[in-house]
Amino acid sequence: EDGALRYPVFAVNDTPMKRLFDNVHGTGE
């Protein structure tokens, strides 16, 4: 947002396969 990220990065955390399982079940357990 500040225009400071100068190369492309994938937000892996935001995918359904990450959020629905890693964040919910992984962190919870």
mmCIF file of all heavy atoms, coordinates in Angstrom:
data_MODEL
# 
_entry.id   MODEL 
# 
loop_
_atom_site.group_PDB 
_atom_site.id 
_atom_site.type_symbol 
_atom_site.label_atom_id 
_atom_site.label_alt_id 
_atom_site.label_comp_id 
_atom_site.label_asym_id 
_atom_site.label_entity_id 
_atom_site.label_seq_id 
_atom_site.pdbx_PDB_ins_code 
_atom_site.Cartn_x 
_atom_site.Cartn_y 
_atom_site.Cartn_z 
_atom_site.occupancy 
_atom_site.B_iso_or_equiv 
_atom_site.pdbx_formal_charge 
_atom_site.auth_seq_id 
_atom_site.auth_comp_id 
_atom_site.auth_asym_id 
_atom_site.auth_atom_id 
_atom_site.pdbx_PDB_model_num 
ATOM 1   N N   . GLU A 1 1  ? 0.823   -1.213  0.000  1.00 0.00 ? 1  GLU A N   1 
ATOM 2   C CA  . GLU A 1 1  ? 0.000   0.000   0.000  1.00 0.00 ? 1  GLU A CA  1 
ATOM 3   C C   . GLU A 1 1  ? 0.856   1.261   0.000  1.00 0.00 ? 1  GLU A C   1 
ATOM 4   O O   . GLU A 1 1  ? 0.446   2.299   -0.530 1.00 0.00 ? 1  GLU A O   1 
ATOM 5   C CB  . GLU A 1 1  ? -0.940  -0.017  1.197  1.00 0.00 ? 1  GLU A CB  1 
ATOM 6   C CG  . GLU A 1 1  ? -2.042  -1.072  1.080  1.00 0.00 ? 1  GLU A CG  1 
ATOM 7   C CD  . GLU A 1 1  ? -2.854  -1.229  2.353  1.00 0.00 ? 1  GLU A CD  1 
ATOM 8   O OE1 . GLU A 1 1  ? -2.479  -0.604  3.374  1.00 0.00 ? 1  GLU A OE1 1 
ATOM 9   O OE2 . GLU A 1 1  ? -3.854  -1.973  2.326  1.00 0.00 ? 1  GLU A OE2 1 
ATOM 10  N N   . ASP A 1 2  ? 2.042   1.165   0.583  1.00 0.00 ? 2  ASP A N   1 
ATOM 11  C CA  . ASP A 1 2  ? 2.958   2.306   0.596  1.00 0.00 ? 2  ASP A CA  1 
ATOM 12  C C   . ASP A 1 2  ? 3.833   2.365   -0.650 1.00 0.00 ? 2  ASP A C   1 
ATOM 13  O O   . ASP A 1 2  ? 4.696   3.251   -0.764 1.00 0.00 ? 2  ASP A O   1 
ATOM 14  C CB  . ASP A 1 2  ? 3.860   2.241   1.837  1.00 0.00 ? 2  ASP A CB  1 
ATOM 15  C CG  . ASP A 1 2  ? 3.117   2.559   3.122  1.00 0.00 ? 2  ASP A CG  1 
ATOM 16  O OD1 . ASP A 1 2  ? 1.987   3.093   3.037  1.00 0.00 ? 2  ASP A OD1 1 
ATOM 17  O OD2 . ASP A 1 2  ? 3.656   2.272   4.209  1.00 0.00 ? 2  ASP A OD2 1 
ATOM 18  N N   . GLY A 1 3  ? 3.649   1.411   -1.557 1.00 0.00 ? 3  GLY A N   1 
ATOM 19  C CA  . GLY A 1 3  ? 4.468   1.374   -2.756 1.00 0.00 ? 3  GLY A CA  1 
ATOM 20  C C   . GLY A 1 3  ? 5.893   0.934   -2.504 1.00 0.00 ? 3  GLY A C   1 
ATOM 21  O O   . GLY A 1 3  ? 6.794   1.192   -3.314 1.00 0.00 ? 3  GLY A O   1 
ATOM 22  N N   . ALA A 1 4  ? 6.122   0.240   -1.385 1.00 0.00 ? 4  ALA A N   1 
ATOM 23  C CA  . ALA A 1 4  ? 7.476   -0.139  -0.993 1.00 0.00 ? 4  ALA A CA  1 
ATOM 24  C C   . ALA A 1 4  ? 7.842   -1.571  -1.341 1.00 0.00 ? 4  ALA A C   1 
ATOM 25  O O   . ALA A 1 4  ? 9.012   -1.954  -1.234 1.00 0.00 ? 4  ALA A O   1 
ATOM 26  C CB  . ALA A 1 4  ? 7.657   0.077   0.511  1.00 0.00 ? 4  ALA A CB  1 
ATOM 27  N N   . LEU A 1 5  ? 6.866   -2.391  -1.742 1.00 0.00 ? 5  LEU A N   1 
ATOM 28  C CA  . LEU A 1 5  ? 7.139   -3.791  -2.081 1.00 0.00 ? 5  LEU A CA  1 
ATOM 29  C C   . LEU A 1 5  ? 7.489   -3.854  -3.556 1.00 0.00 ? 5  LEU A C   1 
ATOM 30  O O   . LEU A 1 5  ? 6.629   -3.683  -4.422 1.00 0.00 ? 5  LEU A O   1 
ATOM 31  C CB  . LEU A 1 5  ? 5.919   -4.663  -1.760 1.00 0.00 ? 5  LEU A CB  1 
ATOM 32  C CG  . LEU A 1 5  ? 6.069   -6.179  -1.969 1.00 0.00 ? 5  LEU A CG  1 
ATOM 33  C CD1 . LEU A 1 5  ? 7.258   -6.730  -1.207 1.00 0.00 ? 5  LEU A CD1 1 
ATOM 34  C CD2 . LEU A 1 5  ? 4.789   -6.896  -1.571 1.00 0.00 ? 5  LEU A CD2 1 
ATOM 35  N N   . ARG A 1 6  ? 8.750   -4.160  -3.837 1.00 0.00 ? 6  ARG A N   1 
ATOM 36  C CA  . ARG A 1 6  ? 9.280   -3.960  -5.184 1.00 0.00 ? 6  ARG A CA  1 
ATOM 37  C C   . ARG A 1 6  ? 9.373   -5.235  -6.011 1.00 0.00 ? 6  ARG A C   1 
ATOM 38  O O   . ARG A 1 6  ? 9.850   -5.201  -7.145 1.00 0.00 ? 6  ARG A O   1 
ATOM 39  C CB  . ARG A 1 6  ? 10.643  -3.284  -5.106 1.00 0.00 ? 6  ARG A CB  1 
ATOM 40  C CG  . ARG A 1 6  ? 10.575  -1.850  -4.577 1.00 0.00 ? 6  ARG A CG  1 
ATOM 41  C CD  . ARG A 1 6  ? 11.956  -1.253  -4.432 1.00 0.00 ? 6  ARG A CD  1 
ATOM 42  N NE  . ARG A 1 6  ? 12.741  -1.441  -5.655 1.00 0.00 ? 6  ARG A NE  1 
ATOM 43  C CZ  . ARG A 1 6  ? 14.074  -1.437  -5.689 1.00 0.00 ? 6  ARG A CZ  1 
ATOM 44  N NH1 . ARG A 1 6  ? 14.756  -1.294  -4.558 1.00 0.00 ? 6  ARG A NH1 1 
ATOM 45  N NH2 . ARG A 1 6  ? 14.718  -1.600  -6.821 1.00 0.00 ? 6  ARG A NH2 1 
ATOM 46  N N   . TYR A 1 7  ? 8.947   -6.366  -5.479 1.00 0.00 ? 7  TYR A N   1 
ATOM 47  C CA  . TYR A 1 7  ? 8.842   -7.559  -6.319 1.00 0.00 ? 7  TYR A CA  1 
ATOM 48  C C   . TYR A 1 7  ? 7.585   -8.330  -5.920 1.00 0.00 ? 7  TYR A C   1 
ATOM 49  O O   . TYR A 1 7  ? 7.026   -8.115  -4.837 1.00 0.00 ? 7  TYR A O   1 
ATOM 50  C CB  . TYR A 1 7  ? 10.107  -8.426  -6.267 1.00 0.00 ? 7  TYR A CB  1 
ATOM 51  C CG  . TYR A 1 7  ? 10.487  -9.043  -4.946 1.00 0.00 ? 7  TYR A CG  1 
ATOM 52  C CD1 . TYR A 1 7  ? 9.889   -10.216 -4.488 1.00 0.00 ? 7  TYR A CD1 1 
ATOM 53  C CD2 . TYR A 1 7  ? 11.501  -8.498  -4.164 1.00 0.00 ? 7  TYR A CD2 1 
ATOM 54  C CE1 . TYR A 1 7  ? 10.266  -10.826 -3.295 1.00 0.00 ? 7  TYR A CE1 1 
ATOM 55  C CE2 . TYR A 1 7  ? 11.899  -9.092  -2.972 1.00 0.00 ? 7  TYR A CE2 1 
ATOM 56  C CZ  . TYR A 1 7  ? 11.276  -10.253 -2.543 1.00 0.00 ? 7  TYR A CZ  1 
ATOM 57  O OH  . TYR A 1 7  ? 11.661  -10.848 -1.372 1.00 0.00 ? 7  TYR A OH  1 
ATOM 58  N N   . PRO A 1 8  ? 7.089   -9.215  -6.794 1.00 0.00 ? 8  PRO A N   1 
ATOM 59  C CA  . PRO A 1 8  ? 5.821   -9.896  -6.511 1.00 0.00 ? 8  PRO A CA  1 
ATOM 60  C C   . PRO A 1 8  ? 5.954   -10.939 -5.417 1.00 0.00 ? 8  PRO A C   1 
ATOM 61  O O   . PRO A 1 8  ? 6.937   -11.689 -5.371 1.00 0.00 ? 8  PRO A O   1 
ATOM 62  C CB  . PRO A 1 8  ? 5.465   -10.552 -7.848 1.00 0.00 ? 8  PRO A CB  1 
ATOM 63  C CG  . PRO A 1 8  ? 6.764   -10.703 -8.565 1.00 0.00 ? 8  PRO A CG  1 
ATOM 64  C CD  . PRO A 1 8  ? 7.606   -9.543  -8.137 1.00 0.00 ? 8  PRO A CD  1 
ATOM 65  N N   . VAL A 1 9  ? 4.966   -10.979 -4.532 1.00 0.00 ? 9  VAL A N   1 
ATOM 66  C CA  . VAL A 1 9  ? 4.934   -11.967 -3.458 1.00 0.00 ? 9  VAL A CA  1 
ATOM 67  C C   . VAL A 1 9  ? 3.529   -12.544 -3.375 1.00 0.00 ? 9  VAL A C   1 
ATOM 68  O O   . VAL A 1 9  ? 2.545   -11.808 -3.350 1.00 0.00 ? 9  VAL A O   1 
ATOM 69  C CB  . VAL A 1 9  ? 5.328   -11.356 -2.092 1.00 0.00 ? 9  VAL A CB  1 
ATOM 70  C CG1 . VAL A 1 9  ? 5.277   -12.428 -1.002 1.00 0.00 ? 9  VAL A CG1 1 
ATOM 71  C CG2 . VAL A 1 9  ? 6.703   -10.712 -2.150 1.00 0.00 ? 9  VAL A CG2 1 
ATOM 72  N N   . PHE A 1 10 ? 3.433   -13.870 -3.335 1.00 0.00 ? 10 PHE A N   1 
ATOM 73  C CA  . PHE A 1 10 ? 2.141   -14.535 -3.157 1.00 0.00 ? 10 PHE A CA  1 
ATOM 74  C C   . PHE A 1 10 ? 1.767   -14.568 -1.680 1.00 0.00 ? 10 PHE A C   1 
ATOM 75  O O   . PHE A 1 10 ? 2.578   -14.951 -0.827 1.00 0.00 ? 10 PHE A O   1 
ATOM 76  C CB  . PHE A 1 10 ? 2.194   -15.970 -3.686 1.00 0.00 ? 10 PHE A CB  1 
ATOM 77  C CG  . PHE A 1 10 ? 2.077   -16.085 -5.181 1.00 0.00 ? 10 PHE A CG  1 
ATOM 78  C CD1 . PHE A 1 10 ? 3.022   -16.808 -5.904 1.00 0.00 ? 10 PHE A CD1 1 
ATOM 79  C CD2 . PHE A 1 10 ? 1.033   -15.490 -5.861 1.00 0.00 ? 10 PHE A CD2 1 
ATOM 80  C CE1 . PHE A 1 10 ? 2.921   -16.927 -7.273 1.00 0.00 ? 10 PHE A CE1 1 
ATOM 81  C CE2 . PHE A 1 10 ? 0.923   -15.596 -7.239 1.00 0.00 ? 10 PHE A CE2 1 
ATOM 82  C CZ  . PHE A 1 10 ? 1.873   -16.311 -7.948 1.00 0.00 ? 10 PHE A CZ  1 
ATOM 83  N N   . ALA A 1 11 ? 0.534   -14.196 -1.390 1.00 0.00 ? 11 ALA A N   1 
ATOM 84  C CA  . ALA A 1 11 ? 0.001   -14.251 -0.027 1.00 0.00 ? 11 ALA A CA  1 
ATOM 85  C C   . ALA A 1 11 ? -0.519  -15.661 0.229  1.00 0.00 ? 11 ALA A C   1 
ATOM 86  O O   . ALA A 1 11 ? -1.727  -15.921 0.212  1.00 0.00 ? 11 ALA A O   1 
ATOM 87  C CB  . ALA A 1 11 ? -1.107  -13.220 0.157  1.00 0.00 ? 11 ALA A CB  1 
ATOM 88  N N   . VAL A 1 12 ? 0.400   -16.583 0.478  1.00 0.00 ? 12 VAL A N   1 
ATOM 89  C CA  . VAL A 1 12 ? 0.027   -17.979 0.680  1.00 0.00 ? 12 VAL A CA  1 
ATOM 90  C C   . VAL A 1 12 ? -0.956  -18.123 1.840  1.00 0.00 ? 12 VAL A C   1 
ATOM 91  O O   . VAL A 1 12 ? -1.889  -18.927 1.802  1.00 0.00 ? 12 VAL A O   1 
ATOM 92  C CB  . VAL A 1 12 ? 1.285   -18.844 0.902  1.00 0.00 ? 12 VAL A CB  1 
ATOM 93  C CG1 . VAL A 1 12 ? 0.914   -20.259 1.341  1.00 0.00 ? 12 VAL A CG1 1 
ATOM 94  C CG2 . VAL A 1 12 ? 2.128   -18.888 -0.370 1.00 0.00 ? 12 VAL A CG2 1 
ATOM 95  N N   . ASN A 1 13 ? -0.761  -17.314 2.869  1.00 0.00 ? 13 ASN A N   1 
ATOM 96  C CA  . ASN A 1 13 ? -1.630  -17.400 4.041  1.00 0.00 ? 13 ASN A CA  1 
ATOM 97  C C   . ASN A 1 13 ? -3.106  -17.221 3.713  1.00 0.00 ? 13 ASN A C   1 
ATOM 98  O O   . ASN A 1 13 ? -3.966  -17.749 4.418  1.00 0.00 ? 13 ASN A O   1 
ATOM 99  C CB  . ASN A 1 13 ? -1.217  -16.351 5.077  1.00 0.00 ? 13 ASN A CB  1 
ATOM 100 C CG  . ASN A 1 13 ? -2.119  -16.363 6.293  1.00 0.00 ? 13 ASN A CG  1 
ATOM 101 O OD1 . ASN A 1 13 ? -1.976  -17.205 7.171  1.00 0.00 ? 13 ASN A OD1 1 
ATOM 102 N ND2 . ASN A 1 13 ? -3.069  -15.434 6.349  1.00 0.00 ? 13 ASN A ND2 1 
ATOM 103 N N   . ASP A 1 14 ? -3.399  -16.475 2.650  1.00 0.00 ? 14 ASP A N   1 
ATOM 104 C CA  . ASP A 1 14 ? -4.783  -16.093 2.385  1.00 0.00 ? 14 ASP A CA  1 
ATOM 105 C C   . ASP A 1 14 ? -5.552  -17.101 1.542  1.00 0.00 ? 14 ASP A C   1 
ATOM 106 O O   . ASP A 1 14 ? -6.732  -16.892 1.252  1.00 0.00 ? 14 ASP A O   1 
ATOM 107 C CB  . ASP A 1 14 ? -4.820  -14.724 1.702  1.00 0.00 ? 14 ASP A CB  1 
ATOM 108 C CG  . ASP A 1 14 ? -4.387  -13.608 2.639  1.00 0.00 ? 14 ASP A CG  1 
ATOM 109 O OD1 . ASP A 1 14 ? -4.113  -13.898 3.822  1.00 0.00 ? 14 ASP A OD1 1 
ATOM 110 O OD2 . ASP A 1 14 ? -4.302  -12.446 2.195  1.00 0.00 ? 14 ASP A OD2 1 
ATOM 111 N N   . THR A 1 15 ? -4.922  -18.173 1.107  1.00 0.00 ? 15 THR A N   1 
ATOM 112 C CA  . THR A 1 15 ? -5.637  -19.155 0.301  1.00 0.00 ? 15 THR A CA  1 
ATOM 113 C C   . THR A 1 15 ? -6.564  -20.000 1.177  1.00 0.00 ? 15 THR A C   1 
ATOM 114 O O   . THR A 1 15 ? -6.288  -20.205 2.362  1.00 0.00 ? 15 THR A O   1 
ATOM 115 C CB  . THR A 1 15 ? -4.660  -20.116 -0.409 1.00 0.00 ? 15 THR A CB  1 
ATOM 116 O OG1 . THR A 1 15 ? -4.050  -20.963 0.563  1.00 0.00 ? 15 THR A OG1 1 
ATOM 117 C CG2 . THR A 1 15 ? -3.597  -19.352 -1.174 1.00 0.00 ? 15 THR A CG2 1 
ATOM 118 N N   . PRO A 1 16 ? -7.651  -20.525 0.617  1.00 0.00 ? 16 PRO A N   1 
ATOM 119 C CA  . PRO A 1 16 ? -8.516  -21.425 1.390  1.00 0.00 ? 16 PRO A CA  1 
ATOM 120 C C   . PRO A 1 16 ? -7.769  -22.625 1.965  1.00 0.00 ? 16 PRO A C   1 
ATOM 121 O O   . PRO A 1 16 ? -8.017  -23.029 3.103  1.00 0.00 ? 16 PRO A O   1 
ATOM 122 C CB  . PRO A 1 16 ? -9.577  -21.856 0.378  1.00 0.00 ? 16 PRO A CB  1 
ATOM 123 C CG  . PRO A 1 16 ? -9.660  -20.709 -0.579 1.00 0.00 ? 16 PRO A CG  1 
ATOM 124 C CD  . PRO A 1 16 ? -8.252  -20.194 -0.693 1.00 0.00 ? 16 PRO A CD  1 
ATOM 125 N N   . MET A 1 17 ? -6.845  -23.217 1.199  1.00 0.00 ? 17 MET A N   1 
ATOM 126 C CA  . MET A 1 17 ? -6.121  -24.389 1.692  1.00 0.00 ? 17 MET A CA  1 
ATOM 127 C C   . MET A 1 17 ? -5.220  -24.057 2.880  1.00 0.00 ? 17 MET A C   1 
ATOM 128 O O   . MET A 1 17 ? -4.821  -24.936 3.633  1.00 0.00 ? 17 MET A O   1 
ATOM 129 C CB  . MET A 1 17 ? -5.291  -25.009 0.569  1.00 0.00 ? 17 MET A CB  1 
ATOM 130 C CG  . MET A 1 17 ? -6.112  -25.848 -0.404 1.00 0.00 ? 17 MET A CG  1 
ATOM 131 S SD  . MET A 1 17 ? -6.903  -27.278 0.391  1.00 0.00 ? 17 MET A SD  1 
ATOM 132 C CE  . MET A 1 17 ? -5.489  -28.346 0.646  1.00 0.00 ? 17 MET A CE  1 
ATOM 133 N N   . LYS A 1 18 ? -4.872  -22.799 3.048  1.00 0.00 ? 18 LYS A N   1 
ATOM 134 C CA  . LYS A 1 18 ? -4.094  -22.377 4.221  1.00 0.00 ? 18 LYS A CA  1 
ATOM 135 C C   . LYS A 1 18 ? -5.023  -21.955 5.355  1.00 0.00 ? 18 LYS A C   1 
ATOM 136 O O   . LYS A 1 18 ? -4.934  -22.448 6.474  1.00 0.00 ? 18 LYS A O   1 
ATOM 137 C CB  . LYS A 1 18 ? -3.164  -21.227 3.823  1.00 0.00 ? 18 LYS A CB  1 
ATOM 138 C CG  . LYS A 1 18 ? -2.397  -20.592 4.986  1.00 0.00 ? 18 LYS A CG  1 
ATOM 139 C CD  . LYS A 1 18 ? -1.338  -21.508 5.532  1.00 0.00 ? 18 LYS A CD  1 
ATOM 140 C CE  . LYS A 1 18 ? -0.313  -20.767 6.376  1.00 0.00 ? 18 LYS A CE  1 
ATOM 141 N NZ  . LYS A 1 18 ? -0.851  -20.099 7.553  1.00 0.00 ? 18 LYS A NZ  1 
ATOM 142 N N   . ARG A 1 19 ? -5.932  -21.049 5.072  1.00 0.00 ? 19 ARG A N   1 
ATOM 143 C CA  . ARG A 1 19 ? -6.770  -20.476 6.130  1.00 0.00 ? 19 ARG A CA  1 
ATOM 144 C C   . ARG A 1 19 ? -7.693  -21.510 6.766  1.00 0.00 ? 19 ARG A C   1 
ATOM 145 O O   . ARG A 1 19 ? -7.851  -21.554 7.985  1.00 0.00 ? 19 ARG A O   1 
ATOM 146 C CB  . ARG A 1 19 ? -7.622  -19.331 5.571  1.00 0.00 ? 19 ARG A CB  1 
ATOM 147 C CG  . ARG A 1 19 ? -6.839  -18.075 5.216  1.00 0.00 ? 19 ARG A CG  1 
ATOM 148 C CD  . ARG A 1 19 ? -7.775  -16.953 4.816  1.00 0.00 ? 19 ARG A CD  1 
ATOM 149 N NE  . ARG A 1 19 ? -8.538  -17.277 3.612  1.00 0.00 ? 19 ARG A NE  1 
ATOM 150 C CZ  . ARG A 1 19 ? -9.807  -17.665 3.594  1.00 0.00 ? 19 ARG A CZ  1 
ATOM 151 N NH1 . ARG A 1 19 ? -10.473 -17.811 4.727  1.00 0.00 ? 19 ARG A NH1 1 
ATOM 152 N NH2 . ARG A 1 19 ? -10.410 -17.915 2.458  1.00 0.00 ? 19 ARG A NH2 1 
ATOM 153 N N   . LEU A 1 20 ? -8.311  -22.353 5.944  1.00 0.00 ? 20 LEU A N   1 
ATOM 154 C CA  . LEU A 1 20 ? -9.327  -23.274 6.454  1.00 0.00 ? 20 LEU A CA  1 
ATOM 155 C C   . LEU A 1 20 ? -8.728  -24.417 7.265  1.00 0.00 ? 20 LEU A C   1 
ATOM 156 O O   . LEU A 1 20 ? -9.422  -25.031 8.082  1.00 0.00 ? 20 LEU A O   1 
ATOM 157 C CB  . LEU A 1 20 ? -10.150 -23.849 5.297  1.00 0.00 ? 20 LEU A CB  1 
ATOM 158 C CG  . LEU A 1 20 ? -10.981 -22.833 4.501  1.00 0.00 ? 20 LEU A CG  1 
ATOM 159 C CD1 . LEU A 1 20 ? -11.692 -23.536 3.351  1.00 0.00 ? 20 LEU A CD1 1 
ATOM 160 C CD2 . LEU A 1 20 ? -11.981 -22.112 5.383  1.00 0.00 ? 20 LEU A CD2 1 
ATOM 161 N N   . PHE A 1 21 ? -7.460  -24.706 7.065  1.00 0.00 ? 21 PHE A N   1 
ATOM 162 C CA  . PHE A 1 21 ? -6.869  -25.874 7.704  1.00 0.00 ? 21 PHE A CA  1 
ATOM 163 C C   . PHE A 1 21 ? -5.697  -25.499 8.607  1.00 0.00 ? 21 PHE A C   1 
ATOM 164 O O   . PHE A 1 21 ? -5.714  -25.778 9.802  1.00 0.00 ? 21 PHE A O   1 
ATOM 165 C CB  . PHE A 1 21 ? -6.439  -26.881 6.637  1.00 0.00 ? 21 PHE A CB  1 
ATOM 166 C CG  . PHE A 1 21 ? -7.561  -27.263 5.724  1.00 0.00 ? 21 PHE A CG  1 
ATOM 167 C CD1 . PHE A 1 21 ? -7.684  -26.724 4.461  1.00 0.00 ? 21 PHE A CD1 1 
ATOM 168 C CD2 . PHE A 1 21 ? -8.545  -28.141 6.164  1.00 0.00 ? 21 PHE A CD2 1 
ATOM 169 C CE1 . PHE A 1 21 ? -8.742  -27.062 3.630  1.00 0.00 ? 21 PHE A CE1 1 
ATOM 170 C CE2 . PHE A 1 21 ? -9.607  -28.490 5.348  1.00 0.00 ? 21 PHE A CE2 1 
ATOM 171 C CZ  . PHE A 1 21 ? -9.708  -27.950 4.077  1.00 0.00 ? 21 PHE A CZ  1 
ATOM 172 N N   . ASP A 1 22 ? -4.682  -24.862 8.056  1.00 0.00 ? 22 ASP A N   1 
ATOM 173 C CA  . ASP A 1 22 ? -3.513  -24.484 8.848  1.00 0.00 ? 22 ASP A CA  1 
ATOM 174 C C   . ASP A 1 22 ? -3.915  -23.536 9.971  1.00 0.00 ? 22 ASP A C   1 
ATOM 175 O O   . ASP A 1 22 ? -3.604  -23.762 11.144 1.00 0.00 ? 22 ASP A O   1 
ATOM 176 C CB  . ASP A 1 22 ? -2.491  -23.827 7.913  1.00 0.00 ? 22 ASP A CB  1 
ATOM 177 C CG  . ASP A 1 22 ? -1.187  -23.477 8.604  1.00 0.00 ? 22 ASP A CG  1 
ATOM 178 O OD1 . ASP A 1 22 ? -1.233  -22.799 9.653  1.00 0.00 ? 22 ASP A OD1 1 
ATOM 179 O OD2 . ASP A 1 22 ? -0.115  -23.824 8.089  1.00 0.00 ? 22 ASP A OD2 1 
ATOM 180 N N   . ASN A 1 23 ? -4.616  -22.463 9.644  1.00 0.00 ? 23 ASN A N   1 
ATOM 181 C CA  . ASN A 1 23 ? -4.936  -21.459 10.651 1.00 0.00 ? 23 ASN A CA  1 
ATOM 182 C C   . ASN A 1 23 ? -5.953  -21.969 11.661 1.00 0.00 ? 23 ASN A C   1 
ATOM 183 O O   . ASN A 1 23 ? -5.798  -21.763 12.873 1.00 0.00 ? 23 ASN A O   1 
ATOM 184 C CB  . ASN A 1 23 ? -5.458  -20.194 9.973  1.00 0.00 ? 23 ASN A CB  1 
ATOM 185 C CG  . ASN A 1 23 ? -4.379  -19.472 9.181  1.00 0.00 ? 23 ASN A CG  1 
ATOM 186 O OD1 . ASN A 1 23 ? -3.217  -19.842 9.230  1.00 0.00 ? 23 ASN A OD1 1 
ATOM 187 N ND2 . ASN A 1 23 ? -4.764  -18.451 8.452  1.00 0.00 ? 23 ASN A ND2 1 
ATOM 188 N N   . VAL A 1 24 ? -7.000  -22.626 11.183 1.00 0.00 ? 24 VAL A N   1 
ATOM 189 C CA  . VAL A 1 24 ? -8.060  -23.065 12.094 1.00 0.00 ? 24 VAL A CA  1 
ATOM 190 C C   . VAL A 1 24 ? -7.632  -24.327 12.840 1.00 0.00 ? 24 VAL A C   1 
ATOM 191 O O   . VAL A 1 24 ? -7.519  -24.339 14.069 1.00 0.00 ? 24 VAL A O   1 
ATOM 192 C CB  . VAL A 1 24 ? -9.372  -23.311 11.327 1.00 0.00 ? 24 VAL A CB  1 
ATOM 193 C CG1 . VAL A 1 24 ? -10.436 -23.869 12.257 1.00 0.00 ? 24 VAL A CG1 1 
ATOM 194 C CG2 . VAL A 1 24 ? -9.868  -21.994 10.702 1.00 0.00 ? 24 VAL A CG2 1 
ATOM 195 N N   . HIS A 1 25 ? -7.384  -25.396 12.112 1.00 0.00 ? 25 HIS A N   1 
ATOM 196 C CA  . HIS A 1 25 ? -7.076  -26.673 12.763 1.00 0.00 ? 25 HIS A CA  1 
ATOM 197 C C   . HIS A 1 25 ? -5.630  -26.731 13.253 1.00 0.00 ? 25 HIS A C   1 
ATOM 198 O O   . HIS A 1 25 ? -5.357  -27.227 14.350 1.00 0.00 ? 25 HIS A O   1 
ATOM 199 C CB  . HIS A 1 25 ? -7.366  -27.828 11.812 1.00 0.00 ? 25 HIS A CB  1 
ATOM 200 C CG  . HIS A 1 25 ? -8.819  -27.962 11.477 1.00 0.00 ? 25 HIS A CG  1 
ATOM 201 N ND1 . HIS A 1 25 ? -9.729  -28.497 12.350 1.00 0.00 ? 25 HIS A ND1 1 
ATOM 202 C CD2 . HIS A 1 25 ? -9.519  -27.593 10.371 1.00 0.00 ? 25 HIS A CD2 1 
ATOM 203 C CE1 . HIS A 1 25 ? -10.934 -28.474 11.804 1.00 0.00 ? 25 HIS A CE1 1 
ATOM 204 N NE2 . HIS A 1 25 ? -10.832 -27.931 10.604 1.00 0.00 ? 25 HIS A NE2 1 
ATOM 205 N N   . GLY A 1 26 ? -4.700  -26.221 12.445 1.00 0.00 ? 26 GLY A N   1 
ATOM 206 C CA  . GLY A 1 26 ? -3.299  -26.284 12.839 1.00 0.00 ? 26 GLY A CA  1 
ATOM 207 C C   . GLY A 1 26 ? -3.013  -25.474 14.088 1.00 0.00 ? 26 GLY A C   1 
ATOM 208 O O   . GLY A 1 26 ? -2.493  -25.991 15.081 1.00 0.00 ? 26 GLY A O   1 
ATOM 209 N N   . THR A 1 27 ? -3.350  -24.188 14.057 1.00 0.00 ? 27 THR A N   1 
ATOM 210 C CA  . THR A 1 27 ? -3.088  -23.341 15.215 1.00 0.00 ? 27 THR A CA  1 
ATOM 211 C C   . THR A 1 27 ? -3.919  -23.781 16.408 1.00 0.00 ? 27 THR A C   1 
ATOM 212 O O   . THR A 1 27 ? -3.420  -23.831 17.541 1.00 0.00 ? 27 THR A O   1 
ATOM 213 C CB  . THR A 1 27 ? -3.372  -21.868 14.885 1.00 0.00 ? 27 THR A CB  1 
ATOM 214 O OG1 . THR A 1 27 ? -2.549  -21.456 13.787 1.00 0.00 ? 27 THR A OG1 1 
ATOM 215 C CG2 . THR A 1 27 ? -3.095  -20.969 16.079 1.00 0.00 ? 27 THR A CG2 1 
ATOM 216 N N   . GLY A 1 28 ? -5.186  -24.095 16.172 1.00 0.00 ? 28 GLY A N   1 
ATOM 217 C CA  . GLY A 1 28 ? -6.040  -24.520 17.274 1.00 0.00 ? 28 GLY A CA  1 
ATOM 218 C C   . GLY A 1 28 ? -5.502  -25.741 17.981 1.00 0.00 ? 28 GLY A C   1 
ATOM 219 O O   . GLY A 1 28 ? -5.366  -25.767 19.211 1.00 0.00 ? 28 GLY A O   1 
ATOM 220 N N   . GLU A 1 29 ? -5.176  -26.785 17.218 1.00 0.00 ? 29 GLU A N   1 
ATOM 221 C CA  . GLU A 1 29 ? -4.691  -28.018 17.820 1.00 0.00 ? 29 GLU A CA  1 
ATOM 222 C C   . GLU A 1 29 ? -3.306  -27.846 18.444 1.00 0.00 ? 29 GLU A C   1 
ATOM 223 O O   . GLU A 1 29 ? -3.063  -28.268 19.583 1.00 0.00 ? 29 GLU A O   1 
ATOM 224 C CB  . GLU A 1 29 ? -4.649  -29.131 16.774 1.00 0.00 ? 29 GLU A CB  1 
ATOM 225 C CG  . GLU A 1 29 ? -6.024  -29.614 16.337 1.00 0.00 ? 29 GLU A CG  1 
ATOM 226 C CD  . GLU A 1 29 ? -5.944  -30.799 15.388 1.00 0.00 ? 29 GLU A CD  1 
ATOM 227 O OE1 . GLU A 1 29 ? -4.900  -31.487 15.383 1.00 0.00 ? 29 GLU A OE1 1 
ATOM 228 O OE2 . GLU A 1 29 ? -6.917  -31.021 14.656 1.00 0.00 ? 29 GLU A OE2 1 
# 
